[in-house]
Amino acid sequence: MKDRRIGKHISIAYRLAVVFFKERMSEIGLYHSHHSVLLSLYKQDGVSQEKLSKHLGVDKATITRSIKMLLENGFVERRQDKNDKRSYLIFLTEKGHSIQPDIDAMFKDWNNVLLDGFDDDEAAQLIDYLQRVSKNVLNHHQIVQDKKDKECCNACK
């Protein structure tokens, strides 16, 4: 009988993805968690740390640590927001832009690992299924958060 514990298989893929990205990111002097910040900035440069935090689904302390290291290593810079002098935006530097081909190649390589042995139709179907799984998990998470927020508000009354 096939092992149908979906979480187990997702967990294995995730753990080995972390190993893969740790190794590849260390080759360019970064931690594995920095790839998500860089990818976000490649899509939209010049965003606030708060927006990055929300987009990536990580807390403000985590994004602050990542940005600090990227700043110290010259991959990003912080500039004052022209529309709000109290706020700063994060921009890629020339050095940050220069590693985009490495980041893109890393993701292409990982996708090749994941899709080895799949034909184009199977790969498309898998991606559709994973998008649906992600949507289910995000919906569940939102319901749980809304319930917690409601309980908190009721307790404060």
Protein backbone atom coordinates (compact mmCIF):
# COMPACT_ATOMS: atom_id res chain seq x y z
CA MET A 1 0.00 0.00 0.00
CA LYS A 2 1.29 3.47 -0.89
CA ASP A 3 2.13 5.92 1.85
CA ARG A 4 -0.59 8.58 1.61
CA ARG A 5 0.64 10.88 4.35
CA ILE A 6 0.84 14.06 2.28
CA GLY A 7 2.44 16.07 5.06
CA LYS A 8 5.30 13.58 5.29
CA HIS A 9 6.15 14.00 1.59
CA ILE A 10 5.86 17.78 1.74
CA SER A 11 8.10 17.77 4.81
CA ILE A 12 10.77 15.66 3.09
CA ALA A 13 10.75 17.94 0.03
CA TYR A 14 10.93 21.03 2.24
CA ARG A 15 13.81 19.76 4.39
CA LEU A 16 15.84 18.78 1.34
CA ALA A 17 15.03 22.11 -0.33
CA VAL A 18 16.50 23.87 2.69
CA VAL A 19 19.67 21.78 2.35
CA PHE A 20 19.85 22.52 -1.39
CA PHE A 21 19.33 26.28 -0.96
CA LYS A 22 21.73 26.51 2.02
CA GLU A 23 24.46 24.96 -0.07
CA ARG A 24 23.80 27.04 -3.19
CA MET A 25 23.26 30.35 -1.37
CA SER A 26 26.44 29.86 0.65
CA GLU A 27 28.34 29.76 -2.66
CA ILE A 28 27.42 33.43 -3.14
CA GLY A 29 27.88 34.37 0.52
CA LEU A 30 24.26 34.38 1.66
CA TYR A 31 21.95 32.38 3.89
CA HIS A 32 19.26 30.19 2.35
CA SER A 33 16.47 32.39 3.68
CA HIS A 34 17.70 35.43 1.73
CA HIS A 35 16.58 34.07 -1.64
CA SER A 36 12.95 34.92 -0.92
CA VAL A 37 13.77 38.56 -0.11
CA LEU A 38 15.86 38.86 -3.25
CA LEU A 39 13.16 37.26 -5.41
CA SER A 40 10.60 39.72 -4.06
CA LEU A 41 12.88 42.65 -4.84
CA TYR A 42 13.56 41.32 -8.34
CA LYS A 43 9.81 41.45 -8.93
CA GLN A 44 9.29 44.81 -7.22
CA ASP A 45 12.26 46.87 -6.15
CA GLY A 46 11.92 49.70 -3.67
CA VAL A 47 9.46 48.35 -1.10
CA SER A 48 9.16 48.81 2.65
CA GLN A 49 10.30 46.16 5.12
CA GLU A 50 6.70 45.92 6.30
CA LYS A 51 5.48 45.14 2.79
CA LEU A 52 8.23 42.54 2.37
CA SER A 53 7.28 41.01 5.70
CA LYS A 54 3.62 40.71 4.71
CA HIS A 55 4.38 39.47 1.20
CA LEU A 56 6.72 36.76 2.46
CA GLY A 57 4.58 35.82 5.44
CA VAL A 58 7.35 36.33 7.98
CA ASP A 59 7.44 38.44 11.12
CA LYS A 60 9.08 41.86 11.21
CA ALA A 61 12.05 40.67 13.30
CA THR A 62 12.90 38.00 10.73
CA ILE A 63 12.74 40.41 7.80
CA THR A 64 14.79 42.96 9.75
CA ARG A 65 17.58 40.40 10.31
CA SER A 66 17.56 39.40 6.64
CA ILE A 67 17.64 43.00 5.43
CA LYS A 68 20.43 43.84 7.88
CA MET A 69 22.63 41.07 6.53
CA LEU A 70 21.84 41.95 2.91
CA LEU A 71 22.69 45.59 3.70
CA GLU A 72 25.97 44.64 5.39
CA ASN A 73 26.96 42.53 2.38
CA GLY A 74 26.06 45.23 -0.14
CA PHE A 75 23.17 43.43 -1.88
CA VAL A 76 20.53 46.00 -0.91
CA GLU A 77 20.36 49.58 0.27
CA ARG A 78 17.85 51.51 2.33
CA ARG A 79 16.53 54.83 0.99
CA GLN A 80 14.13 57.28 2.55
CA ASP A 81 10.62 57.10 1.08
CA LYS A 82 10.00 60.32 -0.86
CA ASN A 83 6.29 60.14 0.02
CA ASP A 84 6.78 59.44 3.72
CA LYS A 85 9.96 60.82 5.28
CA ARG A 86 9.48 58.53 8.33
CA SER A 87 9.68 55.41 6.18
CA TYR A 88 12.50 53.70 4.30
CA LEU A 89 12.36 51.55 1.19
CA ILE A 90 14.62 48.65 0.30
CA PHE A 91 16.32 48.66 -3.10
CA LEU A 92 18.67 46.22 -4.78
CA THR A 93 22.19 47.46 -5.38
CA GLU A 94 24.21 46.68 -8.50
CA LYS A 95 25.68 43.75 -6.55
CA GLY A 96 22.17 42.53 -5.71
CA HIS A 97 21.13 42.74 -9.36
CA SER A 98 24.33 41.00 -10.47
CA ILE A 99 23.43 37.74 -8.69
CA GLN A 100 19.95 37.46 -10.21
CA PRO A 101 21.16 34.99 -12.87
CA ASP A 102 22.61 32.82 -10.08
CA ILE A 103 19.34 32.93 -8.14
CA ASP A 104 17.31 32.17 -11.27
CA ALA A 105 19.61 29.24 -12.14
CA MET A 106 19.31 27.91 -8.59
CA PHE A 107 15.51 27.81 -8.83
CA LYS A 108 15.62 26.28 -12.30
CA ASP A 109 17.95 23.57 -10.99
CA TRP A 110 15.67 22.86 -8.01
CA ASN A 111 12.60 22.68 -10.28
CA ASN A 112 14.49 20.20 -12.47
CA VAL A 113 15.18 18.07 -9.39
CA LEU A 114 11.51 18.20 -8.36
CA LEU A 115 10.15 17.43 -11.82
CA ASP A 116 12.64 14.75 -12.83
CA GLY A 117 10.70 11.93 -14.51
CA PHE A 118 7.56 14.02 -15.05
CA ASP A 119 6.33 14.79 -18.56
CA ASP A 120 4.97 18.29 -19.33
CA ASP A 121 1.34 17.32 -18.63
CA GLU A 122 2.22 15.66 -15.32
CA ALA A 123 4.31 18.68 -14.29
CA ALA A 124 1.43 21.05 -15.10
CA GLN A 125 -0.99 18.85 -13.18
CA LEU A 126 1.33 18.68 -10.17
CA ILE A 127 1.70 22.46 -10.14
CA ASP A 128 -2.09 22.81 -10.28
CA TYR A 129 -2.50 20.39 -7.36
CA LEU A 130 0.16 22.14 -5.29
CA GLN A 131 -1.45 25.52 -5.92
CA ARG A 132 -4.74 24.10 -4.69
CA VAL A 133 -3.06 22.62 -1.61
CA SER A 134 -1.43 26.00 -0.89
CA LYS A 135 -4.77 27.76 -1.27
CA ASN A 136 -6.40 25.29 1.14
CA VAL A 137 -3.66 25.80 3.73
CA LEU A 138 -3.79 29.60 3.40
CA ASN A 139 -7.58 29.58 3.74
CA HIS A 140 -7.35 27.38 6.83
CA HIS A 141 -4.68 29.62 8.33
CA GLN A 142 -6.84 32.71 7.75
CA ILE A 143 -9.86 31.06 9.38
CA VAL A 144 -7.77 30.12 12.44
CA GLN A 145 -6.31 33.65 12.66
CA ASP A 146 -9.75 35.25 12.32
CA LYS A 147 -11.06 32.98 15.10
CA LYS A 148 -8.14 33.91 17.37
CA ASP A 149 -8.65 37.61 16.63
CA LYS A 150 -12.38 37.31 17.41
CA GLU A 151 -11.68 35.47 20.69
CA CYS A 152 -9.15 38.10 21.67
CA CYS A 153 -11.58 40.93 20.92
CA ASN A 154 -14.34 39.20 22.90
CA ALA A 155 -12.01 38.74 25.86
CA CYS A 156 -11.20 42.47 25.83
CA LYS A 157 -14.85 43.52 26.08
